[in-house]
């Protein structure tokens, strides 16, 4: 479900992604373009995260985003 949300709302989410993970460049965000696998790969590359750590941070971020987004409605 997070992958669908990321892809569908990428234009809204990418600023928050940049704030959360400041080592990601604008070019990185353009490359990701809502693709969960690409984002996870870049988190591993830029932060030296193991796959599990990248997935955990991503899941926590998306859970917070979904919770925050649903309260805005």
PDB file of N, CA and C in Angstrom:
ATOM      1  N   UNK A   1       0.813  -1.195   0.000  1.00  0.00           N
ATOM      2  CA  UNK A   1       0.000   0.000   0.000  1.00  0.00           C
ATOM      3  C   UNK A   1       0.863   1.267   0.000  1.00  0.00           C
ATOM      4  N   UNK A   2       1.951   1.269   0.760  1.00  0.00           N
ATOM      5  CA  UNK A   2       2.830   2.438   0.788  1.00  0.00           C
ATOM      6  C   UNK A   2       3.385   2.761  -0.584  1.00  0.00           C
ATOM      7  N   UNK A   3       3.703   1.717  -1.365  1.00  0.00           N
ATOM      8  CA  UNK A   3       4.252   1.941  -2.703  1.00  0.00           C
ATOM      9  C   UNK A   3       3.241   2.676  -3.575  1.00  0.00           C
ATOM     10  N   UNK A   4       1.968   2.315  -3.459  1.00  0.00           N
ATOM     11  CA  UNK A   4       0.920   2.968  -4.245  1.00  0.00           C
ATOM     12  C   UNK A   4       0.749   4.426  -3.820  1.00  0.00           C
ATOM     13  N   UNK A   5       0.797   4.667  -2.517  1.00  0.00           N
ATOM     14  CA  UNK A   5       0.668   6.036  -2.007  1.00  0.00           C
ATOM     15  C   UNK A   5       1.853   6.878  -2.468  1.00  0.00           C
ATOM     16  N   UNK A   6       3.056   6.315  -2.353  1.00  0.00           N
ATOM     17  CA  UNK A   6       4.258   7.042  -2.764  1.00  0.00           C
ATOM     18  C   UNK A   6       4.168   7.435  -4.229  1.00  0.00           C
ATOM     19  N   UNK A   7       3.786   6.492  -5.063  1.00  0.00           N
ATOM     20  CA  UNK A   7       3.700   6.755  -6.498  1.00  0.00           C
ATOM     21  C   UNK A   7       2.597   7.767  -6.810  1.00  0.00           C
ATOM     22  N   UNK A   8       1.438   7.592  -6.196  1.00  0.00           N
ATOM     23  CA  UNK A   8       0.293   8.447  -6.495  1.00  0.00           C
ATOM     24  C   UNK A   8       0.412   9.863  -5.966  1.00  0.00           C
ATOM     25  N   UNK A   9       1.147  10.037  -4.883  1.00  0.00           N
ATOM     26  CA  UNK A   9       1.243  11.358  -4.253  1.00  0.00           C
ATOM     27  C   UNK A   9       2.679  11.876  -4.230  1.00  0.00           C
ATOM     28  N   UNK A  10       3.498  11.406  -5.143  1.00  0.00           N
ATOM     29  CA  UNK A  10       4.913  11.747  -5.139  1.00  0.00           C
ATOM     30  C   UNK A  10       5.153  13.249  -5.115  1.00  0.00           C
ATOM     31  N   UNK A  11       4.422  13.996  -5.934  1.00  0.00           N
ATOM     32  CA  UNK A  11       4.644  15.447  -6.001  1.00  0.00           C
ATOM     33  C   UNK A  11       4.400  16.101  -4.639  1.00  0.00           C
ATOM     34  N   UNK A  12       3.450  15.578  -3.872  1.00  0.00           N
ATOM     35  CA  UNK A  12       3.171  16.107  -2.535  1.00  0.00           C
ATOM     36  C   UNK A  12       4.206  15.639  -1.512  1.00  0.00           C
ATOM     37  N   UNK A  13       4.626  14.395  -1.641  1.00  0.00           N
ATOM     38  CA  UNK A  13       5.474  13.756  -0.634  1.00  0.00           C
ATOM     39  C   UNK A  13       6.945  14.125  -0.782  1.00  0.00           C
ATOM     40  N   UNK A  14       7.410  14.398  -1.995  1.00  0.00           N
ATOM     41  CA  UNK A  14       8.857  14.506  -2.202  1.00  0.00           C
ATOM     42  C   UNK A  14       9.517  15.603  -1.376  1.00  0.00           C
ATOM     43  N   UNK A  15       8.822  16.690  -1.098  1.00  0.00           N
ATOM     44  CA  UNK A  15       9.390  17.727  -0.232  1.00  0.00           C
ATOM     45  C   UNK A  15       9.625  17.212   1.174  1.00  0.00           C
ATOM     46  N   UNK A  16       8.687  16.406   1.652  1.00  0.00           N
ATOM     47  CA  UNK A  16       8.834  15.817   2.984  1.00  0.00           C
ATOM     48  C   UNK A  16       9.941  14.764   2.998  1.00  0.00           C
ATOM     49  N   UNK A  17      10.090  14.048   1.884  1.00  0.00           N
ATOM     50  CA  UNK A  17      11.181  13.076   1.751  1.00  0.00           C
ATOM     51  C   UNK A  17      12.516  13.812   1.832  1.00  0.00           C
ATOM     52  N   UNK A  18      12.621  14.923   1.129  1.00  0.00           N
ATOM     53  CA  UNK A  18      13.856  15.730   1.130  1.00  0.00           C
ATOM     54  C   UNK A  18      14.156  16.262   2.537  1.00  0.00           C
ATOM     55  N   UNK A  19      13.119  16.673   3.262  1.00  0.00           N
ATOM     56  CA  UNK A  19      13.307  17.156   4.631  1.00  0.00           C
ATOM     57  C   UNK A  19      13.778  16.031   5.541  1.00  0.00           C
ATOM     58  N   UNK A  20      13.159  14.876   5.417  1.00  0.00           N
ATOM     59  CA  UNK A  20      13.499  13.723   6.270  1.00  0.00           C
ATOM     60  C   UNK A  20      14.904  13.209   5.965  1.00  0.00           C
ATOM     61  N   UNK A  21      15.213  13.056   4.685  1.00  0.00           N
ATOM     62  CA  UNK A  21      16.500  12.503   4.269  1.00  0.00           C
ATOM     63  C   UNK A  21      17.248  13.555   3.443  1.00  0.00           C
ATOM     64  N   UNK A  22      17.867  14.497   4.132  1.00  0.00           N
ATOM     65  CA  UNK A  22      18.520  15.636   3.500  1.00  0.00           C
ATOM     66  C   UNK A  22      19.703  15.307   2.607  1.00  0.00           C
ATOM     67  N   UNK A  23      20.248  14.101   2.739  1.00  0.00           N
ATOM     68  CA  UNK A  23      21.369  13.720   1.872  1.00  0.00           C
ATOM     69  C   UNK A  23      20.908  13.387   0.456  1.00  0.00           C
ATOM     70  N   UNK A  24      19.612  13.221   0.262  1.00  0.00           N
ATOM     71  CA  UNK A  24      19.097  12.960  -1.081  1.00  0.00           C
ATOM     72  C   UNK A  24      19.084  14.274  -1.857  1.00  0.00           C
ATOM     73  N   UNK A  25      19.627  14.235  -3.053  1.00  0.00           N
ATOM     74  CA  UNK A  25      19.697  15.431  -3.890  1.00  0.00           C
ATOM     75  C   UNK A  25      18.409  15.587  -4.697  1.00  0.00           C
ATOM     76  N   UNK A  26      18.262  16.748  -5.313  1.00  0.00           N
ATOM     77  CA  UNK A  26      17.116  16.956  -6.203  1.00  0.00           C
ATOM     78  C   UNK A  26      17.159  15.963  -7.360  1.00  0.00           C
ATOM     79  N   UNK A  27      18.359  15.667  -7.853  1.00  0.00           N
ATOM     80  CA  UNK A  27      18.501  14.663  -8.916  1.00  0.00           C
ATOM     81  C   UNK A  27      18.047  13.292  -8.428  1.00  0.00           C
ATOM     82  N   UNK A  28      18.390  12.963  -7.172  1.00  0.00           N
ATOM     83  CA  UNK A  28      17.937  11.695  -6.595  1.00  0.00           C
ATOM     84  C   UNK A  28      16.413  11.631  -6.594  1.00  0.00           C
ATOM     85  N   UNK A  29      15.784  12.714  -6.162  1.00  0.00           N
ATOM     86  CA  UNK A  29      14.323  12.734  -6.083  1.00  0.00           C
ATOM     87  C   UNK A  29      13.695  12.629  -7.468  1.00  0.00           C
ATOM     88  N   UNK A  30      14.339  13.231  -8.458  1.00  0.00           N
ATOM     89  CA  UNK A  30      13.858  13.101  -9.833  1.00  0.00           C
ATOM     90  C   UNK A  30      13.985  11.657 -10.296  1.00  0.00           C
ATOM     91  N   UNK A  31      15.081  11.012  -9.930  1.00  0.00           N
ATOM     92  CA  UNK A  31      15.297   9.607 -10.286  1.00  0.00           C
ATOM     93  C   UNK A  31      14.258   8.707  -9.629  1.00  0.00           C
ATOM     94  N   UNK A  32      13.960   8.964  -8.367  1.00  0.00           N
ATOM     95  CA  UNK A  32      12.994   8.140  -7.628  1.00  0.00           C
ATOM     96  C   UNK A  32      11.618   8.225  -8.273  1.00  0.00           C
ATOM     97  N   UNK A  33      11.155   9.445  -8.518  1.00  0.00           N
ATOM     98  CA  UNK A  33       9.863   9.705  -9.160  1.00  0.00           C
ATOM     99  C   UNK A  33       8.751   8.769  -8.677  1.00  0.00           C
ATOM    100  N   UNK A  34       8.689   8.576  -7.354  1.00  0.00           N
ATOM    101  CA  UNK A  34       7.617   7.784  -6.759  1.00  0.00           C
ATOM    102  C   UNK A  34       7.856   6.289  -6.723  1.00  0.00           C
ATOM    103  N   UNK A  35       9.060   5.850  -7.107  1.00  0.00           N
ATOM    104  CA  UNK A  35       9.368   4.422  -7.128  1.00  0.00           C
ATOM    105  C   UNK A  35       9.978   4.001  -5.791  1.00  0.00           C
ATOM    106  N   UNK A  36       9.248   3.163  -5.079  1.00  0.00           N
ATOM    107  CA  UNK A  36       9.667   2.729  -3.743  1.00  0.00           C
ATOM    108  C   UNK A  36      11.036   2.044  -3.753  1.00  0.00           C
ATOM    109  N   UNK A  37      11.265   1.160  -4.700  1.00  0.00           N
ATOM    110  CA  UNK A  37      12.537   0.427  -4.761  1.00  0.00           C
ATOM    111  C   UNK A  37      13.714   1.369  -4.987  1.00  0.00           C
ATOM    112  N   UNK A  38      13.520   2.353  -5.855  1.00  0.00           N
ATOM    113  CA  UNK A  38      14.595   3.322  -6.103  1.00  0.00           C
ATOM    114  C   UNK A  38      14.882   4.142  -4.849  1.00  0.00           C
ATOM    115  N   UNK A  39      13.832   4.530  -4.134  1.00  0.00           N
ATOM    116  CA  UNK A  39      14.028   5.293  -2.900  1.00  0.00           C
ATOM    117  C   UNK A  39      14.780   4.457  -1.873  1.00  0.00           C
ATOM    118  N   UNK A  40      14.378   3.225  -1.700  1.00  0.00           N
ATOM    119  CA  UNK A  40      15.061   2.350  -0.743  1.00  0.00           C
ATOM    120  C   UNK A  40      16.530   2.171  -1.124  1.00  0.00           C
ATOM    121  N   UNK A  41      16.803   1.996  -2.406  1.00  0.00           N
ATOM    122  CA  UNK A  41      18.181   1.855  -2.874  1.00  0.00           C
ATOM    123  C   UNK A  41      19.012   3.095  -2.591  1.00  0.00           C
ATOM    124  N   UNK A  42      18.420   4.264  -2.802  1.00  0.00           N
ATOM    125  CA  UNK A  42      19.147   5.507  -2.532  1.00  0.00           C
ATOM    126  C   UNK A  42      19.369   5.726  -1.044  1.00  0.00           C
ATOM    127  N   UNK A  43      18.422   5.319  -0.218  1.00  0.00           N
ATOM    128  CA  UNK A  43      18.632   5.417   1.233  1.00  0.00           C
ATOM    129  C   UNK A  43      19.806   4.544   1.652  1.00  0.00           C
ATOM    130  N   UNK A  44      19.901   3.369   1.058  1.00  0.00           N
ATOM    131  CA  UNK A  44      21.029   2.488   1.355  1.00  0.00           C
ATOM    132  C   UNK A  44      22.336   3.129   0.889  1.00  0.00           C
ATOM    133  N   UNK A  45      22.315   3.687  -0.293  1.00  0.00           N
ATOM    134  CA  UNK A  45      23.528   4.266  -0.880  1.00  0.00           C
ATOM    135  C   UNK A  45      23.973   5.528  -0.139  1.00  0.00           C
ATOM    136  N   UNK A  46      23.076   6.466   0.072  1.00  0.00           N
ATOM    137  CA  UNK A  46      23.437   7.756   0.664  1.00  0.00           C
ATOM    138  C   UNK A  46      23.709   7.681   2.164  1.00  0.00           C
ATOM    139  N   UNK A  47      22.996   6.792   2.850  1.00  0.00           N
ATOM    140  CA  UNK A  47      23.118   6.722   4.308  1.00  0.00           C
ATOM    141  C   UNK A  47      23.869   5.491   4.797  1.00  0.00           C
ATOM    142  N   UNK A  48      24.210   4.586   3.890  1.00  0.00           N
ATOM    143  CA  UNK A  48      24.910   3.373   4.292  1.00  0.00           C
ATOM    144  C   UNK A  48      24.017   2.407   5.059  1.00  0.00           C
ATOM    145  N   UNK A  49      22.708   2.559   4.888  1.00  0.00           N
ATOM    146  CA  UNK A  49      21.752   1.689   5.568  1.00  0.00           C
ATOM    147  C   UNK A  49      21.790   0.281   4.992  1.00  0.00           C
ATOM    148  N   UNK A  50      21.588  -0.696   5.862  1.00  0.00           N
ATOM    149  CA  UNK A  50      21.279  -2.047   5.404  1.00  0.00           C
ATOM    150  C   UNK A  50      19.852  -2.003   4.854  1.00  0.00           C
ATOM    151  N   UNK A  51      19.502  -2.979   4.052  1.00  0.00           N
ATOM    152  CA  UNK A  51      18.161  -3.017   3.453  1.00  0.00           C
ATOM    153  C   UNK A  51      17.073  -2.941   4.534  1.00  0.00           C
ATOM    154  N   UNK A  52      17.235  -3.701   5.611  1.00  0.00           N
ATOM    155  CA  UNK A  52      16.236  -3.716   6.688  1.00  0.00           C
ATOM    156  C   UNK A  52      16.048  -2.330   7.299  1.00  0.00           C
ATOM    157  N   UNK A  53      17.133  -1.614   7.520  1.00  0.00           N
ATOM    158  CA  UNK A  53      17.078  -0.275   8.108  1.00  0.00           C
ATOM    159  C   UNK A  53      16.384   0.697   7.155  1.00  0.00           C
ATOM    160  N   UNK A  54      16.708   0.616   5.871  1.00  0.00           N
ATOM    161  CA  UNK A  54      16.065   1.481   4.876  1.00  0.00           C
ATOM    162  C   UNK A  54      14.561   1.219   4.847  1.00  0.00           C
ATOM    163  N   UNK A  55      14.179  -0.051   4.853  1.00  0.00           N
ATOM    164  CA  UNK A  55      12.757  -0.402   4.833  1.00  0.00           C
ATOM    165  C   UNK A  55      12.050   0.075   6.097  1.00  0.00           C
ATOM    166  N   UNK A  56      12.709  -0.067   7.243  1.00  0.00           N
ATOM    167  CA  UNK A  56      12.115   0.348   8.515  1.00  0.00           C
ATOM    168  C   UNK A  56      11.895   1.861   8.536  1.00  0.00           C
ATOM    169  N   UNK A  57      12.916   2.635   8.162  1.00  0.00           N
ATOM    170  CA  UNK A  57      12.785   4.097   8.144  1.00  0.00           C
ATOM    171  C   UNK A  57      11.707   4.541   7.159  1.00  0.00           C
ATOM    172  N   UNK A  58      11.686   3.915   6.001  1.00  0.00           N
ATOM    173  CA  UNK A  58      10.687   4.244   4.977  1.00  0.00           C
ATOM    174  C   UNK A  58       9.278   3.945   5.488  1.00  0.00           C
ATOM    175  N   UNK A  59       9.104   2.785   6.092  1.00  0.00           N
ATOM    176  CA  UNK A  59       7.785   2.403   6.607  1.00  0.00           C
ATOM    177  C   UNK A  59       7.325   3.380   7.683  1.00  0.00           C
ATOM    178  N   UNK A  60       8.213   3.734   8.600  1.00  0.00           N
ATOM    179  CA  UNK A  60       7.856   4.690   9.655  1.00  0.00           C
ATOM    180  C   UNK A  60       7.481   6.051   9.056  1.00  0.00           C
ATOM    181  N   UNK A  61       8.237   6.485   8.064  1.00  0.00           N
ATOM    182  CA  UNK A  61       7.939   7.750   7.396  1.00  0.00           C
ATOM    183  C   UNK A  61       6.565   7.702   6.735  1.00  0.00           C
ATOM    184  N   UNK A  62       6.300   6.642   5.985  1.00  0.00           N
ATOM    185  CA  UNK A  62       5.027   6.532   5.281  1.00  0.00           C
ATOM    186  C   UNK A  62       3.861   6.386   6.249  1.00  0.00           C
ATOM    187  N   UNK A  63       4.058   5.650   7.332  1.00  0.00           N
ATOM    188  CA  UNK A  63       2.989   5.519   8.337  1.00  0.00           C
ATOM    189  C   UNK A  63       2.628   6.890   8.906  1.00  0.00           C
ATOM    190  N   UNK A  64       3.643   7.696   9.210  1.00  0.00           N
ATOM    191  CA  UNK A  64       3.392   9.051   9.717  1.00  0.00           C
ATOM    192  C   UNK A  64       2.723   9.918   8.650  1.00  0.00           C
ATOM    193  N   UNK A  65       3.180   9.789   7.402  1.00  0.00           N
ATOM    194  CA  UNK A  65       2.596  10.576   6.319  1.00  0.00           C
ATOM    195  C   UNK A  65       1.120  10.229   6.140  1.00  0.00           C
ATOM    196  N   UNK A  66       0.802   8.944   6.100  1.00  0.00           N
ATOM    197  CA  UNK A  66      -0.581   8.507   5.906  1.00  0.00           C
ATOM    198  C   UNK A  66      -1.452   8.994   7.065  1.00  0.00           C
ATOM    199  N   UNK A  67      -0.934   8.880   8.277  1.00  0.00           N
ATOM    200  CA  UNK A  67      -1.683   9.328   9.455  1.00  0.00           C
ATOM    201  C   UNK A  67      -1.914  10.842   9.394  1.00  0.00           C
ATOM    202  N   UNK A  68      -0.885  11.601   9.069  1.00  0.00           N
ATOM    203  CA  UNK A  68      -0.994  13.058   8.974  1.00  0.00           C
ATOM    204  C   UNK A  68      -1.915  13.459   7.833  1.00  0.00           C
ATOM    205  N   UNK A  69      -1.774  12.798   6.694  1.00  0.00           N
ATOM    206  CA  UNK A  69      -2.584  13.112   5.520  1.00  0.00           C
ATOM    207  C   UNK A  69      -4.062  12.862   5.797  1.00  0.00           C
ATOM    208  N   UNK A  70      -4.379  11.793   6.514  1.00  0.00           N
ATOM    209  CA  UNK A  70      -5.783  11.470   6.776  1.00  0.00           C
ATOM    210  C   UNK A  70      -6.415  12.452   7.762  1.00  0.00           C
ATOM    211  N   UNK A  71      -5.620  13.084   8.607  1.00  0.00           N
ATOM    212  CA  UNK A  71      -6.177  14.060   9.547  1.00  0.00           C
ATOM    213  C   UNK A  71      -6.410  15.416   8.886  1.00  0.00           C
ATOM    214  N   UNK A  72      -5.828  15.636   7.723  1.00  0.00           N
ATOM    215  CA  UNK A  72      -6.021  16.895   6.999  1.00  0.00           C
ATOM    216  C   UNK A  72      -7.370  16.944   6.293  1.00  0.00           C
ATOM    217  N   UNK A  73      -7.992  15.794   6.131  1.00  0.00           N
ATOM    218  CA  UNK A  73      -9.258  15.734   5.387  1.00  0.00           C
ATOM    219  C   UNK A  73     -10.424  16.137   6.224  1.00  0.00           C
TER     220      UNK A  73
END
